[in-house]
Amino acid sequence: MSGYIRFVRPEDVRRLLEIYNQSIDTPITFEVELPSADDFLQRIKNISRDYPYIVWEMDGRVMGYAYAHRYKERSAYQWGAELSVYIDSGAVGHGGGRKLYGALIELLRLQNVKTVYGCVTAGNPASDGLHYAMGFHLAGTFKKAGFKNDRWHDVYWYEKSIGAYGDVPEPFISLRDVDAEKIIASGILG
């Protein structure tokens, strides 16, 4: 399975909700109810103002999606981003997670992000494996961070450096301000 990566479109919302719904009854997400299509679209719009929100498409069907968002709101955190990825259960293990994470990381480099983070509920070996395969390392464990499905769950925080830190880093650049030619020339999408 190969497929290609592209930016999310409003018409993808229903398919993304189908994929996300596969995690609602599990501790993979700590959300307990599937959002409405309107609410989900608003989330996409809010994230996409500044950060990448992408999909993995194969044979004309979206099989996964991923996005990045600011790690914390304070100005000093502007060089960090948290990543999230969701893959259709029928496509897990076919490289979509790696393709999506790889594309996110390359786009974030163009935005001057220096460190990326992943938050994984304990007991999710596929996600643990993805993070290790992508060069992340375990930064810490938050014990009993969430209560879902009648039990407490720990979460693992992974981190990866993706850029040189320097004494005076260039400021974060919103995705809408990144030169489109740089994105095209990089071959990140497609």
Protein backbone atom coordinates (compact mmCIF):
# COMPACT_ATOMS: atom_id res chain seq x y z
CA MET A 1 0.00 0.00 0.00
CA SER A 2 1.39 3.33 -0.97
CA GLY A 3 -1.07 6.13 -1.62
CA TYR A 4 -0.33 9.79 -1.31
CA ILE A 5 -0.49 12.62 1.22
CA ARG A 6 -2.46 15.82 0.71
CA PHE A 7 -3.96 18.61 2.77
CA VAL A 8 -7.39 17.97 4.26
CA ARG A 9 -10.48 19.29 2.46
CA PRO A 10 -13.88 20.15 3.98
CA GLU A 11 -15.46 17.26 2.07
CA ASP A 12 -13.20 14.82 3.98
CA VAL A 13 -14.98 15.44 7.29
CA ARG A 14 -17.41 12.51 7.15
CA ARG A 15 -14.65 10.04 6.27
CA LEU A 16 -12.37 11.40 8.99
CA LEU A 17 -15.21 10.98 11.47
CA GLU A 18 -15.62 7.35 10.34
CA ILE A 19 -11.94 6.75 11.05
CA TYR A 20 -12.02 8.65 14.35
CA ASN A 21 -15.13 6.76 15.45
CA GLN A 22 -13.08 3.54 15.42
CA SER A 23 -11.22 4.94 18.47
CA ILE A 24 -14.11 6.48 20.41
CA ASP A 25 -14.91 3.33 22.41
CA THR A 26 -11.22 2.69 23.12
CA PRO A 27 -8.68 4.53 25.28
CA ILE A 28 -6.78 5.59 22.14
CA THR A 29 -8.61 8.89 22.41
CA PHE A 30 -9.88 10.30 25.68
CA GLU A 31 -12.89 11.76 23.90
CA VAL A 32 -16.01 9.80 24.86
CA GLU A 33 -18.53 10.97 22.23
CA LEU A 34 -18.05 11.38 18.50
CA PRO A 35 -18.21 15.07 17.61
CA SER A 36 -20.75 16.29 15.09
CA ALA A 37 -19.58 16.91 11.53
CA ASP A 38 -19.92 20.68 12.09
CA ASP A 39 -17.86 20.57 15.28
CA PHE A 40 -15.20 18.41 13.65
CA LEU A 41 -15.00 20.72 10.64
CA GLN A 42 -14.56 23.67 12.99
CA ARG A 43 -11.69 21.84 14.72
CA ILE A 44 -10.04 21.26 11.34
CA LYS A 45 -10.43 24.94 10.42
CA ASN A 46 -9.01 26.09 13.77
CA ILE A 47 -5.97 23.83 13.52
CA SER A 48 -5.42 24.53 9.81
CA ARG A 49 -5.11 28.27 10.41
CA ASP A 50 -1.53 27.73 11.52
CA TYR A 51 -0.64 24.03 11.45
CA PRO A 52 -0.75 21.18 8.93
CA TYR A 53 -3.79 18.90 8.80
CA ILE A 54 -3.22 16.16 6.21
CA VAL A 55 -4.77 12.95 4.92
CA TRP A 56 -3.40 9.72 3.48
CA GLU A 57 -5.41 8.69 0.45
CA MET A 58 -5.29 5.40 -1.44
CA ASP A 59 -7.29 4.55 -4.53
CA GLY A 60 -9.46 7.62 -4.02
CA ARG A 61 -10.32 6.83 -0.38
CA VAL A 62 -8.94 8.51 2.74
CA MET A 63 -7.35 5.82 4.92
CA GLY A 64 -5.84 8.01 7.62
CA TYR A 65 -5.24 11.53 8.77
CA ALA A 66 -2.86 13.46 10.96
CA TYR A 67 -2.41 16.95 12.26
CA ALA A 68 -0.14 19.05 14.41
CA HIS A 69 -0.99 21.75 16.89
CA ARG A 70 0.88 23.98 19.27
CA TYR A 71 2.20 22.04 22.25
CA LYS A 72 1.47 24.79 24.81
CA GLU A 73 0.11 28.31 24.47
CA ARG A 74 2.83 30.42 26.10
CA SER A 75 5.12 32.20 23.63
CA ALA A 76 8.25 30.33 24.74
CA TYR A 77 6.62 27.08 23.56
CA GLN A 78 6.15 28.24 19.95
CA TRP A 79 8.90 25.89 18.71
CA GLY A 80 7.09 22.74 19.84
CA ALA A 81 4.15 20.93 18.24
CA GLU A 82 2.08 17.92 19.27
CA LEU A 83 1.23 15.39 16.56
CA SER A 84 -1.84 13.17 16.26
CA VAL A 85 -2.51 10.41 13.75
CA TYR A 86 -5.50 8.13 13.10
CA ILE A 87 -5.47 5.25 10.63
CA ASP A 88 -8.45 3.23 9.41
CA SER A 89 -8.39 -0.14 11.17
CA GLY A 90 -8.23 -1.92 7.81
CA ALA A 91 -5.06 -0.04 6.85
CA VAL A 92 -3.04 -0.28 10.09
CA GLY A 93 0.44 -1.69 9.48
CA HIS A 94 0.67 -0.51 5.86
CA GLY A 95 2.91 2.51 6.37
CA GLY A 96 0.29 5.25 6.46
CA GLY A 97 1.23 6.40 9.94
CA ARG A 98 4.88 6.77 8.93
CA LYS A 99 3.94 8.64 5.74
CA LEU A 100 1.67 11.01 7.63
CA TYR A 101 4.11 11.62 10.49
CA GLY A 102 6.98 12.10 8.03
CA ALA A 103 5.02 14.69 6.06
CA LEU A 104 3.94 16.51 9.23
CA ILE A 105 7.52 16.69 10.46
CA GLU A 106 8.79 18.07 7.15
CA LEU A 107 6.04 20.70 7.05
CA LEU A 108 6.77 21.67 10.66
CA ARG A 109 10.46 22.09 9.84
CA LEU A 110 9.43 24.69 7.24
CA GLN A 111 7.54 26.42 10.07
CA ASN A 112 10.66 26.56 12.28
CA VAL A 113 9.36 23.98 14.78
CA LYS A 114 12.24 22.39 16.68
CA THR A 115 10.61 19.63 18.76
CA VAL A 116 7.60 17.41 18.11
CA TYR A 117 5.67 15.46 20.72
CA GLY A 118 3.34 12.49 20.68
CA CYS A 119 0.97 11.49 23.46
CA VAL A 120 0.05 7.78 23.51
CA THR A 121 -2.26 5.95 25.88
CA ALA A 122 -0.37 3.08 27.53
CA GLY A 123 -1.24 -0.29 26.00
CA ASN A 124 -1.18 0.87 22.36
CA PRO A 125 1.78 -1.05 20.87
CA ALA A 126 1.06 0.10 17.30
CA SER A 127 1.41 3.74 18.29
CA ASP A 128 4.42 3.04 20.51
CA GLY A 129 6.06 1.27 17.57
CA LEU A 130 5.31 4.16 15.22
CA HIS A 131 6.98 6.64 17.53
CA TYR A 132 10.08 4.52 18.01
CA ALA A 133 10.29 3.81 14.26
CA MET A 134 10.13 7.56 13.57
CA GLY A 135 13.02 8.28 15.95
CA PHE A 136 11.07 9.53 18.95
CA HIS A 137 12.15 8.67 22.46
CA LEU A 138 10.08 8.30 25.59
CA ALA A 139 10.17 11.56 27.52
CA GLY A 140 7.91 10.55 30.39
CA THR A 141 4.80 8.85 31.68
CA PHE A 142 1.78 10.60 33.13
CA LYS A 143 0.28 8.13 35.59
CA LYS A 144 -3.49 7.74 35.64
CA ALA A 145 -3.88 10.72 33.33
CA GLY A 146 -7.36 9.81 32.13
CA PHE A 147 -10.35 7.74 33.19
CA LYS A 148 -12.23 5.97 30.40
CA ASN A 149 -13.91 2.59 29.93
CA ASP A 150 -14.16 2.08 33.70
CA ARG A 151 -10.44 2.38 34.41
CA TRP A 152 -7.54 4.78 34.77
CA HIS A 153 -5.03 5.04 31.93
CA ASP A 154 -1.41 6.16 31.88
CA VAL A 155 -0.14 8.13 28.91
CA TYR A 156 3.34 8.13 27.44
CA TRP A 157 4.85 11.32 26.09
CA TYR A 158 7.29 10.91 23.22
CA GLU A 159 9.52 13.63 21.82
CA LYS A 160 11.80 14.15 18.85
CA SER A 161 14.11 16.99 17.90
CA ILE A 162 13.55 18.01 14.26
CA GLY A 163 15.68 21.13 13.94
CA ALA A 164 18.74 22.94 15.20
CA TYR A 165 17.97 25.02 18.27
CA GLY A 166 20.54 27.83 18.00
CA ASP A 167 20.98 30.72 20.38
CA VAL A 168 18.25 32.85 18.77
CA PRO A 169 15.76 30.68 16.88
CA GLU A 170 13.75 31.99 13.97
CA PRO A 171 10.13 32.52 15.08
CA PHE A 172 7.38 30.04 14.32
CA ILE A 173 5.80 30.61 10.90
CA SER A 174 2.12 29.90 10.36
CA LEU A 175 1.59 27.30 7.64
CA ARG A 176 -0.37 29.87 5.62
CA ASP A 177 2.80 32.02 5.55
CA VAL A 178 5.15 29.25 4.40
CA ASP A 179 6.16 29.75 0.78
CA ALA A 180 3.97 27.34 -1.24
CA GLU A 181 6.86 26.84 -3.66
CA LYS A 182 8.96 25.44 -0.81
CA ILE A 183 6.23 22.93 0.00
CA ILE A 184 5.90 21.90 -3.63
CA ALA A 185 9.67 21.71 -4.18
CA SER A 186 10.15 19.62 -1.05
CA GLY A 187 7.98 16.78 -2.37
CA ILE A 188 6.36 16.45 1.07
CA LEU A 189 2.87 16.05 -0.36
CA GLY A 190 1.89 13.67 -3.06
